Amino acid sequence: MSTSAHATSGTALGEGTVTDRLVEANQRYAADFRDPGMDARPVLKVAVVACMDARLDLHAALGLELGDCHTIRNAGGVVTDDVIRSLTISQRALGTRSVILVHHTGCGLETITEEFRMELEEEVGQRPAWAVEAFRDVDQDVRQSMQRVRTSPFLLHKDDVRGFVFDVRTGALREIEPAV
């Protein structure tokens, strides 16, 4: 399988860093770039919160184009305080009204525990202020994330919040019903 990250045009494999190759790719991109003439407000008025997993091509999987949505990604696609911050800005300043949460099968957060924080503390001498947000049940974690969005006092639009699990083997989304 070949992806843009594997493309080496201009840089032989082993020469330079990955960042060097990405900067070179940007130079080629910028040479043909034309300002699309849009602002930061998503055309579809939707924000997508998803895992940072490299196997998720959200725009392709959801049929999205440049300018359609705000995309907020982190480990696990977990709704953290920082995600609420981004969603609040997305809704209140930039007009989004819908929130889609996308977790996925085979997530790395299913394989670690909160012990990770203690291991970091032992290694570096300071415990991170953030929680790992590890989980064992992806469906339940989607429900928890939906609940965090729906109960946030900072968000204006909570009536169209839906959660899904993306299957990394088939590319299909499976909708998760919210907790009752």
C-alpha atoms as a PDB file:
ATOM      1  CA  MET A   1       0.000   0.000   0.000  1.00  0.00           C
ATOM      2  CA  SER A   2       1.374   3.398  -0.903  1.00  0.00           C
ATOM      3  CA  THR A   3       0.389   6.609   0.816  1.00  0.00           C
ATOM      4  CA  SER A   4       1.673  10.151   0.644  1.00  0.00           C
ATOM      5  CA  ALA A   5       3.728   9.512   3.779  1.00  0.00           C
ATOM      6  CA  HIS A   6       5.606   6.806   1.870  1.00  0.00           C
ATOM      7  CA  ALA A   7       6.165   8.957  -1.206  1.00  0.00           C
ATOM      8  CA  THR A   8       9.804   9.834  -1.555  1.00  0.00           C
ATOM      9  CA  SER A   9       9.845  11.931  -4.706  1.00  0.00           C
ATOM     10  CA  GLY A  10      12.622  14.438  -4.285  1.00  0.00           C
ATOM     11  CA  THR A  11      14.075  12.685  -1.245  1.00  0.00           C
ATOM     12  CA  ALA A  12      15.604   9.228  -1.373  1.00  0.00           C
ATOM     13  CA  LEU A  13      14.532   6.923   1.403  1.00  0.00           C
ATOM     14  CA  GLY A  14      16.916   7.426   4.297  1.00  0.00           C
ATOM     15  CA  GLU A  15      17.851  10.979   3.263  1.00  0.00           C
ATOM     16  CA  GLY A  16      16.526  13.721   5.469  1.00  0.00           C
ATOM     17  CA  THR A  17      13.819  13.348   8.065  1.00  0.00           C
ATOM     18  CA  VAL A  18      10.135  12.657   7.690  1.00  0.00           C
ATOM     19  CA  THR A  19       9.596  16.322   8.482  1.00  0.00           C
ATOM     20  CA  ASP A  20      11.948  17.271   5.633  1.00  0.00           C
ATOM     21  CA  ARG A  21       9.860  15.144   3.251  1.00  0.00           C
ATOM     22  CA  LEU A  22       6.647  16.728   4.515  1.00  0.00           C
ATOM     23  CA  VAL A  23       8.057  20.232   4.043  1.00  0.00           C
ATOM     24  CA  GLU A  24       9.088  19.301   0.494  1.00  0.00           C
ATOM     25  CA  ALA A  25       5.572  17.977  -0.150  1.00  0.00           C
ATOM     26  CA  ASN A  26       4.172  21.272   1.096  1.00  0.00           C
ATOM     27  CA  GLN A  27       6.388  23.203  -1.267  1.00  0.00           C
ATOM     28  CA  ARG A  28       4.962  21.208  -4.202  1.00  0.00           C
ATOM     29  CA  TYR A  29       1.438  21.728  -2.832  1.00  0.00           C
ATOM     30  CA  ALA A  30       1.926  25.461  -2.343  1.00  0.00           C
ATOM     31  CA  ALA A  31       3.268  25.879  -5.878  1.00  0.00           C
ATOM     32  CA  ASP A  32      -0.162  24.910  -7.262  1.00  0.00           C
ATOM     33  CA  PHE A  33      -2.266  26.241  -4.374  1.00  0.00           C
ATOM     34  CA  ARG A  34      -5.081  28.645  -5.119  1.00  0.00           C
ATOM     35  CA  ASP A  35      -6.956  30.426  -2.333  1.00  0.00           C
ATOM     36  CA  PRO A  36     -10.346  28.690  -2.140  1.00  0.00           C
ATOM     37  CA  GLY A  37     -11.912  31.959  -0.988  1.00  0.00           C
ATOM     38  CA  MET A  38     -13.636  30.558   2.072  1.00  0.00           C
ATOM     39  CA  ASP A  39     -13.590  31.567   5.710  1.00  0.00           C
ATOM     40  CA  ALA A  40     -13.213  29.418   8.828  1.00  0.00           C
ATOM     41  CA  ARG A  41     -16.952  28.727   9.165  1.00  0.00           C
ATOM     42  CA  PRO A  42     -17.674  25.135   8.116  1.00  0.00           C
ATOM     43  CA  VAL A  43     -20.126  24.935   5.234  1.00  0.00           C
ATOM     44  CA  LEU A  44     -21.984  21.980   6.791  1.00  0.00           C
ATOM     45  CA  LYS A  45     -21.980  23.534  10.272  1.00  0.00           C
ATOM     46  CA  VAL A  46     -20.616  20.337  11.771  1.00  0.00           C
ATOM     47  CA  ALA A  47     -17.691  19.524  14.045  1.00  0.00           C
ATOM     48  CA  VAL A  48     -16.178  16.036  13.933  1.00  0.00           C
ATOM     49  CA  VAL A  49     -14.337  14.739  16.998  1.00  0.00           C
ATOM     50  CA  ALA A  50     -12.228  11.692  16.197  1.00  0.00           C
ATOM     51  CA  CYS A  51      -9.242   9.641  17.197  1.00  0.00           C
ATOM     52  CA  MET A  52      -5.847  10.661  15.850  1.00  0.00           C
ATOM     53  CA  ASP A  53      -5.249   7.123  14.529  1.00  0.00           C
ATOM     54  CA  ALA A  54      -3.494   7.311  11.157  1.00  0.00           C
ATOM     55  CA  ARG A  55      -5.861   4.713   9.670  1.00  0.00           C
ATOM     56  CA  LEU A  56      -8.824   7.113   9.804  1.00  0.00           C
ATOM     57  CA  ASP A  57      -9.185   9.219   6.656  1.00  0.00           C
ATOM     58  CA  LEU A  58     -12.160  11.137   7.988  1.00  0.00           C
ATOM     59  CA  HIS A  59     -12.799  13.289   4.950  1.00  0.00           C
ATOM     60  CA  ALA A  60     -12.913  10.267   2.644  1.00  0.00           C
ATOM     61  CA  ALA A  61     -14.874   8.115   5.105  1.00  0.00           C
ATOM     62  CA  LEU A  62     -17.524  10.795   5.627  1.00  0.00           C
ATOM     63  CA  GLY A  63     -17.588  12.233   2.095  1.00  0.00           C
ATOM     64  CA  LEU A  64     -16.312  15.595   3.274  1.00  0.00           C
ATOM     65  CA  GLU A  65     -14.573  18.280   1.249  1.00  0.00           C
ATOM     66  CA  LEU A  66     -12.285  21.113   2.281  1.00  0.00           C
ATOM     67  CA  GLY A  67     -14.303  23.650   4.242  1.00  0.00           C
ATOM     68  CA  ASP A  68     -17.153  21.300   5.168  1.00  0.00           C
ATOM     69  CA  CYS A  69     -16.353  20.749   8.853  1.00  0.00           C
ATOM     70  CA  HIS A  70     -14.161  21.416  11.826  1.00  0.00           C
ATOM     71  CA  THR A  71     -12.076  18.372  12.709  1.00  0.00           C
ATOM     72  CA  ILE A  72     -10.858  17.886  16.281  1.00  0.00           C
ATOM     73  CA  ARG A  73      -8.591  14.896  16.867  1.00  0.00           C
ATOM     74  CA  ASN A  74      -6.848  13.404  19.861  1.00  0.00           C
ATOM     75  CA  ALA A  75      -5.857  10.010  21.249  1.00  0.00           C
ATOM     76  CA  GLY A  76      -9.077   8.001  21.380  1.00  0.00           C
ATOM     77  CA  GLY A  77     -11.316  10.787  20.097  1.00  0.00           C
ATOM     78  CA  VAL A  78     -12.140  11.374  23.753  1.00  0.00           C
ATOM     79  CA  VAL A  79     -14.169  14.423  24.765  1.00  0.00           C
ATOM     80  CA  THR A  80     -11.736  16.144  27.114  1.00  0.00           C
ATOM     81  CA  ASP A  81     -11.815  19.693  28.486  1.00  0.00           C
ATOM     82  CA  ASP A  82      -9.746  20.795  25.496  1.00  0.00           C
ATOM     83  CA  VAL A  83     -12.236  19.211  23.078  1.00  0.00           C
ATOM     84  CA  ILE A  84     -15.054  21.070  24.860  1.00  0.00           C
ATOM     85  CA  ARG A  85     -12.979  24.258  24.454  1.00  0.00           C
ATOM     86  CA  SER A  86     -12.640  23.649  20.715  1.00  0.00           C
ATOM     87  CA  LEU A  87     -16.312  22.722  20.312  1.00  0.00           C
ATOM     88  CA  THR A  88     -17.358  25.824  22.238  1.00  0.00           C
ATOM     89  CA  ILE A  89     -15.335  28.057  19.912  1.00  0.00           C
ATOM     90  CA  SER A  90     -16.606  26.087  16.907  1.00  0.00           C
ATOM     91  CA  GLN A  91     -20.228  26.628  17.926  1.00  0.00           C
ATOM     92  CA  ARG A  92     -20.211  30.054  19.516  1.00  0.00           C
ATOM     93  CA  ALA A  93     -17.745  31.839  17.225  1.00  0.00           C
ATOM     94  CA  LEU A  94     -17.946  29.861  13.984  1.00  0.00           C
ATOM     95  CA  GLY A  95     -21.525  28.649  13.704  1.00  0.00           C
ATOM     96  CA  THR A  96     -21.427  24.858  13.963  1.00  0.00           C
ATOM     97  CA  ARG A  97     -24.589  23.168  15.172  1.00  0.00           C
ATOM     98  CA  SER A  98     -23.916  19.422  14.897  1.00  0.00           C
ATOM     99  CA  VAL A  99     -21.297  17.210  16.558  1.00  0.00           C
ATOM    100  CA  ILE A 100     -20.192  13.819  15.261  1.00  0.00           C
ATOM    101  CA  LEU A 101     -17.978  11.611  17.429  1.00  0.00           C
ATOM    102  CA  VAL A 102     -15.887   8.929  15.731  1.00  0.00           C
ATOM    103  CA  HIS A 103     -14.050   6.272  17.725  1.00  0.00           C
ATOM    104  CA  HIS A 104     -12.725   3.114  16.023  1.00  0.00           C
ATOM    105  CA  THR A 105     -12.020  -0.560  16.376  1.00  0.00           C
ATOM    106  CA  GLY A 106      -8.560  -1.584  17.518  1.00  0.00           C
ATOM    107  CA  CYS A 107      -7.849   1.682  19.338  1.00  0.00           C
ATOM    108  CA  GLY A 108      -4.563   1.916  21.203  1.00  0.00           C
ATOM    109  CA  LEU A 109      -6.359   3.325  24.254  1.00  0.00           C
ATOM    110  CA  GLU A 110      -7.897  -0.115  24.730  1.00  0.00           C
ATOM    111  CA  THR A 111      -4.421  -1.554  25.357  1.00  0.00           C
ATOM    112  CA  ILE A 112      -3.068   0.829  27.994  1.00  0.00           C
ATOM    113  CA  THR A 113      -4.272   1.903  31.427  1.00  0.00           C
ATOM    114  CA  GLU A 114      -4.094   4.920  33.681  1.00  0.00           C
ATOM    115  CA  GLU A 115      -0.887   3.294  35.026  1.00  0.00           C
ATOM    116  CA  PHE A 116       0.744   4.971  32.026  1.00  0.00           C
ATOM    117  CA  ARG A 117       0.647   8.257  33.961  1.00  0.00           C
ATOM    118  CA  MET A 118       2.405   6.709  36.956  1.00  0.00           C
ATOM    119  CA  GLU A 119       5.040   5.193  34.692  1.00  0.00           C
ATOM    120  CA  LEU A 120       5.643   8.642  33.222  1.00  0.00           C
ATOM    121  CA  GLU A 121       5.924  10.089  36.696  1.00  0.00           C
ATOM    122  CA  GLU A 122       8.540   7.499  37.626  1.00  0.00           C
ATOM    123  CA  GLU A 123      10.467   8.197  34.429  1.00  0.00           C
ATOM    124  CA  VAL A 124      10.439  12.001  34.359  1.00  0.00           C
ATOM    125  CA  GLY A 125       9.705  12.901  37.975  1.00  0.00           C
ATOM    126  CA  GLN A 126       6.375  14.566  37.328  1.00  0.00           C
ATOM    127  CA  ARG A 127       2.906  13.096  36.844  1.00  0.00           C
ATOM    128  CA  PRO A 128       0.996  14.529  33.889  1.00  0.00           C
ATOM    129  CA  ALA A 129      -2.009  16.665  34.807  1.00  0.00           C
ATOM    130  CA  TRP A 130      -4.044  14.982  32.068  1.00  0.00           C
ATOM    131  CA  ALA A 131      -5.839  11.649  32.269  1.00  0.00           C
ATOM    132  CA  VAL A 132      -4.985   8.921  29.780  1.00  0.00           C
ATOM    133  CA  GLU A 133      -8.731   8.258  29.240  1.00  0.00           C
ATOM    134  CA  ALA A 134      -8.042   4.594  28.510  1.00  0.00           C
ATOM    135  CA  PHE A 135     -11.065   2.349  27.998  1.00  0.00           C
ATOM    136  CA  ARG A 136     -11.968  -1.296  27.470  1.00  0.00           C
ATOM    137  CA  ASP A 137     -15.353  -0.907  25.735  1.00  0.00           C
ATOM    138  CA  VAL A 138     -15.317   1.378  22.685  1.00  0.00           C
ATOM    139  CA  ASP A 139     -19.129   1.579  22.524  1.00  0.00           C
ATOM    140  CA  GLN A 140     -19.324   2.695  26.150  1.00  0.00           C
ATOM    141  CA  ASP A 141     -16.591   5.256  25.585  1.00  0.00           C
ATOM    142  CA  VAL A 142     -18.563   6.736  22.671  1.00  0.00           C
ATOM    143  CA  ARG A 143     -21.613   6.954  24.968  1.00  0.00           C
ATOM    144  CA  GLN A 144     -19.522   8.680  27.625  1.00  0.00           C
ATOM    145  CA  SER A 145     -18.187  11.150  25.062  1.00  0.00           C
ATOM    146  CA  MET A 146     -21.714  11.898  23.800  1.00  0.00           C
ATOM    147  CA  GLN A 147     -22.819  12.498  27.399  1.00  0.00           C
ATOM    148  CA  ARG A 148     -19.932  14.889  28.019  1.00  0.00           C
ATOM    149  CA  VAL A 149     -20.953  16.951  24.981  1.00  0.00           C
ATOM    150  CA  ARG A 150     -24.649  16.882  25.885  1.00  0.00           C
ATOM    151  CA  THR A 151     -24.053  18.024  29.465  1.00  0.00           C
ATOM    152  CA  SER A 152     -21.508  20.769  28.814  1.00  0.00           C
ATOM    153  CA  PRO A 153     -22.857  24.142  29.930  1.00  0.00           C
ATOM    154  CA  PHE A 154     -20.647  25.887  27.375  1.00  0.00           C
ATOM    155  CA  LEU A 155     -22.158  24.367  24.244  1.00  0.00           C
ATOM    156  CA  LEU A 156     -25.197  25.942  22.635  1.00  0.00           C
ATOM    157  CA  HIS A 157     -26.248  23.117  20.303  1.00  0.00           C
ATOM    158  CA  LYS A 158     -26.602  19.678  21.863  1.00  0.00           C
ATOM    159  CA  ASP A 159     -29.626  18.281  20.030  1.00  0.00           C
ATOM    160  CA  ASP A 160     -27.626  16.835  17.103  1.00  0.00           C
ATOM    161  CA  VAL A 161     -24.809  14.904  18.803  1.00  0.00           C
ATOM    162  CA  ARG A 162     -24.210  11.454  17.360  1.00  0.00           C
ATOM    163  CA  GLY A 163     -21.529   8.871  17.990  1.00  0.00           C
ATOM    164  CA  PHE A 164     -20.028   6.158  15.803  1.00  0.00           C
ATOM    165  CA  VAL A 165     -17.420   3.421  15.773  1.00  0.00           C
ATOM    166  CA  PHE A 166     -15.371   3.215  12.565  1.00  0.00           C
ATOM    167  CA  ASP A 167     -14.296  -0.301  11.628  1.00  0.00           C
ATOM    168  CA  VAL A 168     -10.669  -0.060  10.516  1.00  0.00           C
ATOM    169  CA  ARG A 169     -10.978  -3.312   8.516  1.00  0.00           C
ATOM    170  CA  THR A 170     -14.150  -2.499   6.549  1.00  0.00           C
ATOM    171  CA  GLY A 171     -14.312   1.311   6.609  1.00  0.00           C
ATOM    172  CA  ALA A 172     -17.917   1.185   7.816  1.00  0.00           C
ATOM    173  CA  LEU A 173     -19.402   3.317  10.567  1.00  0.00           C
ATOM    174  CA  ARG A 174     -21.607   1.751  13.224  1.00  0.00           C
ATOM    175  CA  GLU A 175     -23.831   4.190  15.121  1.00  0.00           C
ATOM    176  CA  ILE A 176     -23.896   4.007  18.894  1.00  0.00           C
ATOM    177  CA  GLU A 177     -27.106   4.810  20.710  1.00  0.00           C
ATOM    178  CA  PRO A 178     -26.674   7.270  23.586  1.00  0.00           C
ATOM    179  CA  ALA A 179     -27.007   6.183  27.191  1.00  0.00           C
ATOM    180  CA  VAL A 180     -30.547   6.419  28.513  1.00  0.00           C
END
